[in-house]
Amino acid sequence: MDLDALLDHYFGTNDLPSLTADRLTAGREALALDFRLEREPGRKFALWALLEAIGAAPLPAEAFPKHPELKRAAEDYLSA
C-alpha cells in the first residue's frame, strides 16, 4: 500500500497538518471502518499502522485477535 495514496483516499490530501478538525475526524472514521472490514492480513496491518500514526489504533491484542503473527508485528512496531 502506498502511504500517499492512503492519505489522499482517507483525508483528501497528504498534508495532514492542513486538515480541518472535521475532515480529520471524517477520514479517521472512514479509515477505522475499513480497518474493521478488511480481511487480507497485509492490508489490515497497513491500515492499522496508519491508524497508529494518527493516534487512533486499537491495541494489538484487540486489533489482531485471530492473527498472532500480526499481533506480534504490531507489538514489535510499537516497541521500536
PDB file of N, CA and C in Angstrom:
ATOM      1  N   MET A   1       0.849  -1.179   0.000  1.00  0.00           N
ATOM      2  CA  MET A   1       0.000   0.000   0.000  1.00  0.00           C
ATOM      3  C   MET A   1       0.889   1.235   0.000  1.00  0.00           C
ATOM      4  N   ASP A   2       0.483   2.212  -0.743  1.00  0.00           N
ATOM      5  CA  ASP A   2       1.225   3.454  -0.871  1.00  0.00           C
ATOM      6  C   ASP A   2       0.687   4.475   0.140  1.00  0.00           C
ATOM      7  N   LEU A   3       1.567   5.007   0.974  1.00  0.00           N
ATOM      8  CA  LEU A   3       1.143   5.933   2.023  1.00  0.00           C
ATOM      9  C   LEU A   3       0.458   7.167   1.452  1.00  0.00           C
ATOM     10  N   ASP A   4       1.028   7.762   0.430  1.00  0.00           N
ATOM     11  CA  ASP A   4       0.405   8.951  -0.151  1.00  0.00           C
ATOM     12  C   ASP A   4      -0.987   8.644  -0.696  1.00  0.00           C
ATOM     13  N   ALA A   5      -1.147   7.480  -1.298  1.00  0.00           N
ATOM     14  CA  ALA A   5      -2.461   7.095  -1.825  1.00  0.00           C
ATOM     15  C   ALA A   5      -3.458   6.893  -0.684  1.00  0.00           C
ATOM     16  N   LEU A   6      -3.014   6.280   0.391  1.00  0.00           N
ATOM     17  CA  LEU A   6      -3.904   6.096   1.544  1.00  0.00           C
ATOM     18  C   LEU A   6      -4.320   7.433   2.147  1.00  0.00           C
ATOM     19  N   LEU A   7      -3.355   8.322   2.329  1.00  0.00           N
ATOM     20  CA  LEU A   7      -3.674   9.635   2.897  1.00  0.00           C
ATOM     21  C   LEU A   7      -4.637  10.391   1.998  1.00  0.00           C
ATOM     22  N   ASP A   8      -4.403  10.343   0.708  1.00  0.00           N
ATOM     23  CA  ASP A   8      -5.292  11.020  -0.230  1.00  0.00           C
ATOM     24  C   ASP A   8      -6.685  10.396  -0.216  1.00  0.00           C
ATOM     25  N   HIS A   9      -6.739   9.068  -0.131  1.00  0.00           N
ATOM     26  CA  HIS A   9      -8.033   8.375  -0.125  1.00  0.00           C
ATOM     27  C   HIS A   9      -8.853   8.725   1.119  1.00  0.00           C
ATOM     28  N   TYR A  10      -8.233   8.676   2.279  1.00  0.00           N
ATOM     29  CA  TYR A  10      -8.985   8.873   3.523  1.00  0.00           C
ATOM     30  C   TYR A  10      -9.129  10.331   3.936  1.00  0.00           C
ATOM     31  N   PHE A  11      -8.137  11.169   3.575  1.00  0.00           N
ATOM     32  CA  PHE A  11      -8.148  12.541   4.063  1.00  0.00           C
ATOM     33  C   PHE A  11      -8.215  13.596   2.959  1.00  0.00           C
ATOM     34  N   GLY A  12      -8.098  13.155   1.694  1.00  0.00           N
ATOM     35  CA  GLY A  12      -8.172  14.086   0.596  1.00  0.00           C
ATOM     36  C   GLY A  12      -6.900  14.883   0.354  1.00  0.00           C
ATOM     37  N   THR A  13      -5.861  14.579   1.116  1.00  0.00           N
ATOM     38  CA  THR A  13      -4.577  15.252   0.985  1.00  0.00           C
ATOM     39  C   THR A  13      -3.519  14.412   1.695  1.00  0.00           C
ATOM     40  N   ASN A  14      -2.255  14.657   1.385  1.00  0.00           N
ATOM     41  CA  ASN A  14      -1.193  14.005   2.150  1.00  0.00           C
ATOM     42  C   ASN A  14      -0.539  15.008   3.100  1.00  0.00           C
ATOM     43  N   ASP A  15      -1.146  16.192   3.229  1.00  0.00           N
ATOM     44  CA  ASP A  15      -0.683  17.242   4.134  1.00  0.00           C
ATOM     45  C   ASP A  15      -1.618  17.297   5.340  1.00  0.00           C
ATOM     46  N   LEU A  16      -1.447  16.354   6.262  1.00  0.00           N
ATOM     47  CA  LEU A  16      -2.362  16.247   7.403  1.00  0.00           C
ATOM     48  C   LEU A  16      -2.443  17.508   8.255  1.00  0.00           C
ATOM     49  N   PRO A  17      -1.349  18.241   8.472  1.00  0.00           N
ATOM     50  CA  PRO A  17      -1.475  19.463   9.280  1.00  0.00           C
ATOM     51  C   PRO A  17      -2.422  20.507   8.687  1.00  0.00           C
ATOM     52  N   SER A  18      -2.698  20.421   7.395  1.00  0.00           N
ATOM     53  CA  SER A  18      -3.589  21.402   6.772  1.00  0.00           C
ATOM     54  C   SER A  18      -5.067  21.049   6.926  1.00  0.00           C
ATOM     55  N   LEU A  19      -5.370  19.897   7.480  1.00  0.00           N
ATOM     56  CA  LEU A  19      -6.762  19.449   7.571  1.00  0.00           C
ATOM     57  C   LEU A  19      -7.539  20.196   8.648  1.00  0.00           C
ATOM     58  N   THR A  20      -8.809  20.385   8.364  1.00  0.00           N
ATOM     59  CA  THR A  20      -9.705  20.898   9.395  1.00  0.00           C
ATOM     60  C   THR A  20     -10.014  19.757  10.357  1.00  0.00           C
ATOM     61  N   ALA A  21     -10.473  20.090  11.533  1.00  0.00           N
ATOM     62  CA  ALA A  21     -10.815  19.073  12.523  1.00  0.00           C
ATOM     63  C   ALA A  21     -11.902  18.143  11.995  1.00  0.00           C
ATOM     64  N   ASP A  22     -12.877  18.693  11.314  1.00  0.00           N
ATOM     65  CA  ASP A  22     -13.968  17.870  10.772  1.00  0.00           C
ATOM     66  C   ASP A  22     -13.462  16.887   9.726  1.00  0.00           C
ATOM     67  N   ARG A  23     -12.581  17.341   8.845  1.00  0.00           N
ATOM     68  CA  ARG A  23     -12.049  16.465   7.788  1.00  0.00           C
ATOM     69  C   ARG A  23     -11.169  15.378   8.383  1.00  0.00           C
ATOM     70  N   LEU A  24     -10.383  15.735   9.406  1.00  0.00           N
ATOM     71  CA  LEU A  24      -9.549  14.741  10.078  1.00  0.00           C
ATOM     72  C   LEU A  24     -10.419  13.685  10.750  1.00  0.00           C
ATOM     73  N   THR A  25     -11.477  14.111  11.407  1.00  0.00           N
ATOM     74  CA  THR A  25     -12.393  13.178  12.067  1.00  0.00           C
ATOM     75  C   THR A  25     -13.068  12.266  11.046  1.00  0.00           C
ATOM     76  N   ALA A  26     -13.534  12.823   9.954  1.00  0.00           N
ATOM     77  CA  ALA A  26     -14.195  12.016   8.923  1.00  0.00           C
ATOM     78  C   ALA A  26     -13.228  10.999   8.325  1.00  0.00           C
ATOM     79  N   GLY A  27     -12.020  11.414   8.045  1.00  0.00           N
ATOM     80  CA  GLY A  27     -11.018  10.497   7.499  1.00  0.00           C
ATOM     81  C   GLY A  27     -10.672   9.394   8.481  1.00  0.00           C
ATOM     82  N   ARG A  28     -10.515   9.756   9.742  1.00  0.00           N
ATOM     83  CA  ARG A  28     -10.207   8.775  10.785  1.00  0.00           C
ATOM     84  C   ARG A  28     -11.333   7.745  10.902  1.00  0.00           C
ATOM     85  N   GLU A  29     -12.572   8.198  10.852  1.00  0.00           N
ATOM     86  CA  GLU A  29     -13.707   7.282  10.950  1.00  0.00           C
ATOM     87  C   GLU A  29     -13.766   6.339   9.748  1.00  0.00           C
ATOM     88  N   ALA A  30     -13.527   6.852   8.555  1.00  0.00           N
ATOM     89  CA  ALA A  30     -13.538   6.010   7.350  1.00  0.00           C
ATOM     90  C   ALA A  30     -12.408   4.993   7.402  1.00  0.00           C
ATOM     91  N   LEU A  31     -11.246   5.417   7.842  1.00  0.00           N
ATOM     92  CA  LEU A  31     -10.096   4.524   7.973  1.00  0.00           C
ATOM     93  C   LEU A  31     -10.382   3.430   8.998  1.00  0.00           C
ATOM     94  N   ALA A  32     -10.939   3.801  10.142  1.00  0.00           N
ATOM     95  CA  ALA A  32     -11.255   2.819  11.182  1.00  0.00           C
ATOM     96  C   ALA A  32     -12.291   1.804  10.685  1.00  0.00           C
ATOM     97  N   LEU A  33     -13.270   2.269   9.933  1.00  0.00           N
ATOM     98  CA  LEU A  33     -14.280   1.364   9.384  1.00  0.00           C
ATOM     99  C   LEU A  33     -13.635   0.380   8.411  1.00  0.00           C
ATOM    100  N   ASP A  34     -12.815   0.879   7.501  1.00  0.00           N
ATOM    101  CA  ASP A  34     -12.157  -0.015   6.549  1.00  0.00           C
ATOM    102  C   ASP A  34     -11.227  -0.993   7.259  1.00  0.00           C
ATOM    103  N   PHE A  35     -10.569  -0.552   8.326  1.00  0.00           N
ATOM    104  CA  PHE A  35      -9.726  -1.459   9.108  1.00  0.00           C
ATOM    105  C   PHE A  35     -10.566  -2.615   9.661  1.00  0.00           C
ATOM    106  N   ARG A  36     -11.715  -2.286  10.220  1.00  0.00           N
ATOM    107  CA  ARG A  36     -12.569  -3.334  10.799  1.00  0.00           C
ATOM    108  C   ARG A  36     -13.088  -4.306   9.735  1.00  0.00           C
ATOM    109  N   LEU A  37     -13.321  -3.825   8.529  1.00  0.00           N
ATOM    110  CA  LEU A  37     -13.870  -4.671   7.464  1.00  0.00           C
ATOM    111  C   LEU A  37     -12.814  -5.444   6.683  1.00  0.00           C
ATOM    112  N   GLU A  38     -11.573  -4.995   6.729  1.00  0.00           N
ATOM    113  CA  GLU A  38     -10.500  -5.613   5.930  1.00  0.00           C
ATOM    114  C   GLU A  38     -10.228  -7.033   6.402  1.00  0.00           C
ATOM    115  N   ARG A  39     -10.079  -7.957   5.465  1.00  0.00           N
ATOM    116  CA  ARG A  39      -9.819  -9.360   5.785  1.00  0.00           C
ATOM    117  C   ARG A  39      -8.418  -9.811   5.374  1.00  0.00           C
ATOM    118  N   GLU A  40      -7.808  -9.139   4.393  1.00  0.00           N
ATOM    119  CA  GLU A  40      -6.475  -9.520   3.944  1.00  0.00           C
ATOM    120  C   GLU A  40      -5.461  -9.033   4.980  1.00  0.00           C
ATOM    121  N   PRO A  41      -4.671  -9.948   5.573  1.00  0.00           N
ATOM    122  CA  PRO A  41      -3.798  -9.589   6.695  1.00  0.00           C
ATOM    123  C   PRO A  41      -2.814  -8.455   6.413  1.00  0.00           C
ATOM    124  N   GLY A  42      -2.176  -8.450   5.268  1.00  0.00           N
ATOM    125  CA  GLY A  42      -1.206  -7.399   4.970  1.00  0.00           C
ATOM    126  C   GLY A  42      -1.848  -6.028   4.869  1.00  0.00           C
ATOM    127  N   ARG A  43      -2.997  -5.966   4.223  1.00  0.00           N
ATOM    128  CA  ARG A  43      -3.720  -4.696   4.098  1.00  0.00           C
ATOM    129  C   ARG A  43      -4.227  -4.252   5.464  1.00  0.00           C
ATOM    130  N   LYS A  44      -4.702  -5.205   6.266  1.00  0.00           N
ATOM    131  CA  LYS A  44      -5.200  -4.867   7.597  1.00  0.00           C
ATOM    132  C   LYS A  44      -4.081  -4.268   8.449  1.00  0.00           C
ATOM    133  N   PHE A  45      -2.876  -4.856   8.360  1.00  0.00           N
ATOM    134  CA  PHE A  45      -1.760  -4.327   9.133  1.00  0.00           C
ATOM    135  C   PHE A  45      -1.396  -2.912   8.656  1.00  0.00           C
ATOM    136  N   ALA A  46      -1.410  -2.691   7.348  1.00  0.00           N
ATOM    137  CA  ALA A  46      -1.095  -1.363   6.821  1.00  0.00           C
ATOM    138  C   ALA A  46      -2.099  -0.321   7.316  1.00  0.00           C
ATOM    139  N   LEU A  47      -3.361  -0.671   7.331  1.00  0.00           N
ATOM    140  CA  LEU A  47      -4.372   0.260   7.836  1.00  0.00           C
ATOM    141  C   LEU A  47      -4.189   0.503   9.325  1.00  0.00           C
ATOM    142  N   TRP A  48      -3.838  -0.546  10.067  1.00  0.00           N
ATOM    143  CA  TRP A  48      -3.577  -0.386  11.496  1.00  0.00           C
ATOM    144  C   TRP A  48      -2.394   0.563  11.715  1.00  0.00           C
ATOM    145  N   ALA A  49      -1.324   0.405  10.937  1.00  0.00           N
ATOM    146  CA  ALA A  49      -0.144   1.258  11.082  1.00  0.00           C
ATOM    147  C   ALA A  49      -0.502   2.724  10.816  1.00  0.00           C
ATOM    148  N   LEU A  50      -1.360   2.975   9.838  1.00  0.00           N
ATOM    149  CA  LEU A  50      -1.790   4.346   9.586  1.00  0.00           C
ATOM    150  C   LEU A  50      -2.647   4.859  10.743  1.00  0.00           C
ATOM    151  N   LEU A  51      -3.531   4.020  11.248  1.00  0.00           N
ATOM    152  CA  LEU A  51      -4.299   4.410  12.433  1.00  0.00           C
ATOM    153  C   LEU A  51      -3.369   4.740  13.597  1.00  0.00           C
ATOM    154  N   GLU A  52      -2.340   3.954  13.777  1.00  0.00           N
ATOM    155  CA  GLU A  52      -1.376   4.196  14.850  1.00  0.00           C
ATOM    156  C   GLU A  52      -0.674   5.538  14.633  1.00  0.00           C
ATOM    157  N   ALA A  53      -0.324   5.832  13.406  1.00  0.00           N
ATOM    158  CA  ALA A  53       0.379   7.084  13.093  1.00  0.00           C
ATOM    159  C   ALA A  53      -0.466   8.314  13.422  1.00  0.00           C
ATOM    160  N   ILE A  54      -1.776   8.192  13.347  1.00  0.00           N
ATOM    161  CA  ILE A  54      -2.644   9.329  13.664  1.00  0.00           C
ATOM    162  C   ILE A  54      -3.243   9.222  15.063  1.00  0.00           C
ATOM    163  N   GLY A  55      -2.752   8.261  15.844  1.00  0.00           N
ATOM    164  CA  GLY A  55      -3.173   8.147  17.239  1.00  0.00           C
ATOM    165  C   GLY A  55      -4.540   7.540  17.456  1.00  0.00           C
ATOM    166  N   ALA A  56      -4.982   6.682  16.541  1.00  0.00           N
ATOM    167  CA  ALA A  56      -6.339   6.132  16.640  1.00  0.00           C
ATOM    168  C   ALA A  56      -6.381   4.608  16.555  1.00  0.00           C
ATOM    169  N   ALA A  57      -5.255   3.944  16.692  1.00  0.00           N
ATOM    170  CA  ALA A  57      -5.214   2.482  16.527  1.00  0.00           C
ATOM    171  C   ALA A  57      -5.625   1.761  17.804  1.00  0.00           C
ATOM    172  N   PRO A  58      -6.346   0.658  17.649  1.00  0.00           N
ATOM    173  CA  PRO A  58      -6.617  -0.178  18.819  1.00  0.00           C
ATOM    174  C   PRO A  58      -5.330  -0.899  19.242  1.00  0.00           C
ATOM    175  N   LEU A  59      -5.308  -1.388  20.447  1.00  0.00           N
ATOM    176  CA  LEU A  59      -4.160  -2.167  20.916  1.00  0.00           C
ATOM    177  C   LEU A  59      -3.999  -3.407  20.050  1.00  0.00           C
ATOM    178  N   PRO A  60      -2.766  -3.890  19.882  1.00  0.00           N
ATOM    179  CA  PRO A  60      -2.535  -5.057  19.022  1.00  0.00           C
ATOM    180  C   PRO A  60      -3.409  -6.271  19.356  1.00  0.00           C
ATOM    181  N   ALA A  61      -3.602  -6.553  20.636  1.00  0.00           N
ATOM    182  CA  ALA A  61      -4.419  -7.707  21.017  1.00  0.00           C
ATOM    183  C   ALA A  61      -5.870  -7.552  20.571  1.00  0.00           C
ATOM    184  N   GLU A  62      -6.365  -6.321  20.572  1.00  0.00           N
ATOM    185  CA  GLU A  62      -7.727  -6.057  20.121  1.00  0.00           C
ATOM    186  C   GLU A  62      -7.803  -6.008  18.596  1.00  0.00           C
ATOM    187  N   ALA A  63      -6.744  -5.528  17.979  1.00  0.00           N
ATOM    188  CA  ALA A  63      -6.735  -5.347  16.524  1.00  0.00           C
ATOM    189  C   ALA A  63      -6.594  -6.661  15.773  1.00  0.00           C
ATOM    190  N   PHE A  64      -5.818  -7.592  16.332  1.00  0.00           N
ATOM    191  CA  PHE A  64      -5.483  -8.824  15.616  1.00  0.00           C
ATOM    192  C   PHE A  64      -5.713 -10.074  16.471  1.00  0.00           C
ATOM    193  N   PRO A  65      -6.915 -10.273  17.004  1.00  0.00           N
ATOM    194  CA  PRO A  65      -7.142 -11.420  17.887  1.00  0.00           C
ATOM    195  C   PRO A  65      -7.014 -12.777  17.184  1.00  0.00           C
ATOM    196  N   LYS A  66      -7.247 -12.823  15.871  1.00  0.00           N
ATOM    197  CA  LYS A  66      -7.193 -14.092  15.138  1.00  0.00           C
ATOM    198  C   LYS A  66      -5.896 -14.266  14.363  1.00  0.00           C
ATOM    199  N   HIS A  67      -4.986 -13.302  14.484  1.00  0.00           N
ATOM    200  CA  HIS A  67      -3.728 -13.327  13.728  1.00  0.00           C
ATOM    201  C   HIS A  67      -2.556 -13.063  14.673  1.00  0.00           C
ATOM    202  N   PRO A  68      -2.082 -14.092  15.363  1.00  0.00           N
ATOM    203  CA  PRO A  68      -0.998 -13.864  16.326  1.00  0.00           C
ATOM    204  C   PRO A  68       0.266 -13.283  15.706  1.00  0.00           C
ATOM    205  N   GLU A  69       0.526 -13.599  14.430  1.00  0.00           N
ATOM    206  CA  GLU A  69       1.720 -13.047  13.791  1.00  0.00           C
ATOM    207  C   GLU A  69       1.584 -11.544  13.576  1.00  0.00           C
ATOM    208  N   LEU A  70       0.382 -11.074  13.277  1.00  0.00           N
ATOM    209  CA  LEU A  70       0.164  -9.643  13.122  1.00  0.00           C
ATOM    210  C   LEU A  70       0.168  -8.940  14.472  1.00  0.00           C
ATOM    211  N   LYS A  71      -0.389  -9.602  15.470  1.00  0.00           N
ATOM    212  CA  LYS A  71      -0.360  -9.049  16.828  1.00  0.00           C
ATOM    213  C   LYS A  71       1.083  -8.838  17.255  1.00  0.00           C
ATOM    214  N   ARG A  72       1.910  -9.823  17.026  1.00  0.00           N
ATOM    215  CA  ARG A  72       3.332  -9.727  17.392  1.00  0.00           C
ATOM    216  C   ARG A  72       4.025  -8.629  16.585  1.00  0.00           C
ATOM    217  N   ALA A  73       3.744  -8.538  15.294  1.00  0.00           N
ATOM    218  CA  ALA A  73       4.342  -7.493  14.457  1.00  0.00           C
ATOM    219  C   ALA A  73       3.924  -6.108  14.950  1.00  0.00           C
ATOM    220  N   ALA A  74       2.667  -5.964  15.331  1.00  0.00           N
ATOM    221  CA  ALA A  74       2.187  -4.682  15.843  1.00  0.00           C
ATOM    222  C   ALA A  74       2.856  -4.343  17.174  1.00  0.00           C
ATOM    223  N   GLU A  75       3.001  -5.336  18.035  1.00  0.00           N
ATOM    224  CA  GLU A  75       3.703  -5.110  19.304  1.00  0.00           C
ATOM    225  C   GLU A  75       5.149  -4.698  19.053  1.00  0.00           C
ATOM    226  N   ASP A  76       5.801  -5.370  18.107  1.00  0.00           N
ATOM    227  CA  ASP A  76       7.181  -5.021  17.757  1.00  0.00           C
ATOM    228  C   ASP A  76       7.249  -3.595  17.202  1.00  0.00           C
ATOM    229  N   TYR A  77       6.280  -3.240  16.380  1.00  0.00           N
ATOM    230  CA  TYR A  77       6.220  -1.887  15.808  1.00  0.00           C
ATOM    231  C   TYR A  77       6.121  -0.853  16.924  1.00  0.00           C
ATOM    232  N   LEU A  78       5.267  -1.122  17.892  1.00  0.00           N
ATOM    233  CA  LEU A  78       5.081  -0.171  18.988  1.00  0.00           C
ATOM    234  C   LEU A  78       6.312  -0.043  19.875  1.00  0.00           C
ATOM    235  N   SER A  79       7.056  -1.115  20.005  1.00  0.00           N
ATOM    236  CA  SER A  79       8.236  -1.080  20.870  1.00  0.00           C
ATOM    237  C   SER A  79       9.493  -0.578  20.146  1.00  0.00           C
ATOM    238  N   ALA A  80       9.396  -0.407  18.824  1.00  0.00           N
ATOM    239  CA  ALA A  80      10.571   0.062  18.061  1.00  0.00           C
ATOM    240  C   ALA A  80      10.819   1.537  18.283  1.00  0.00           C
TER     241      ALA A  80
END
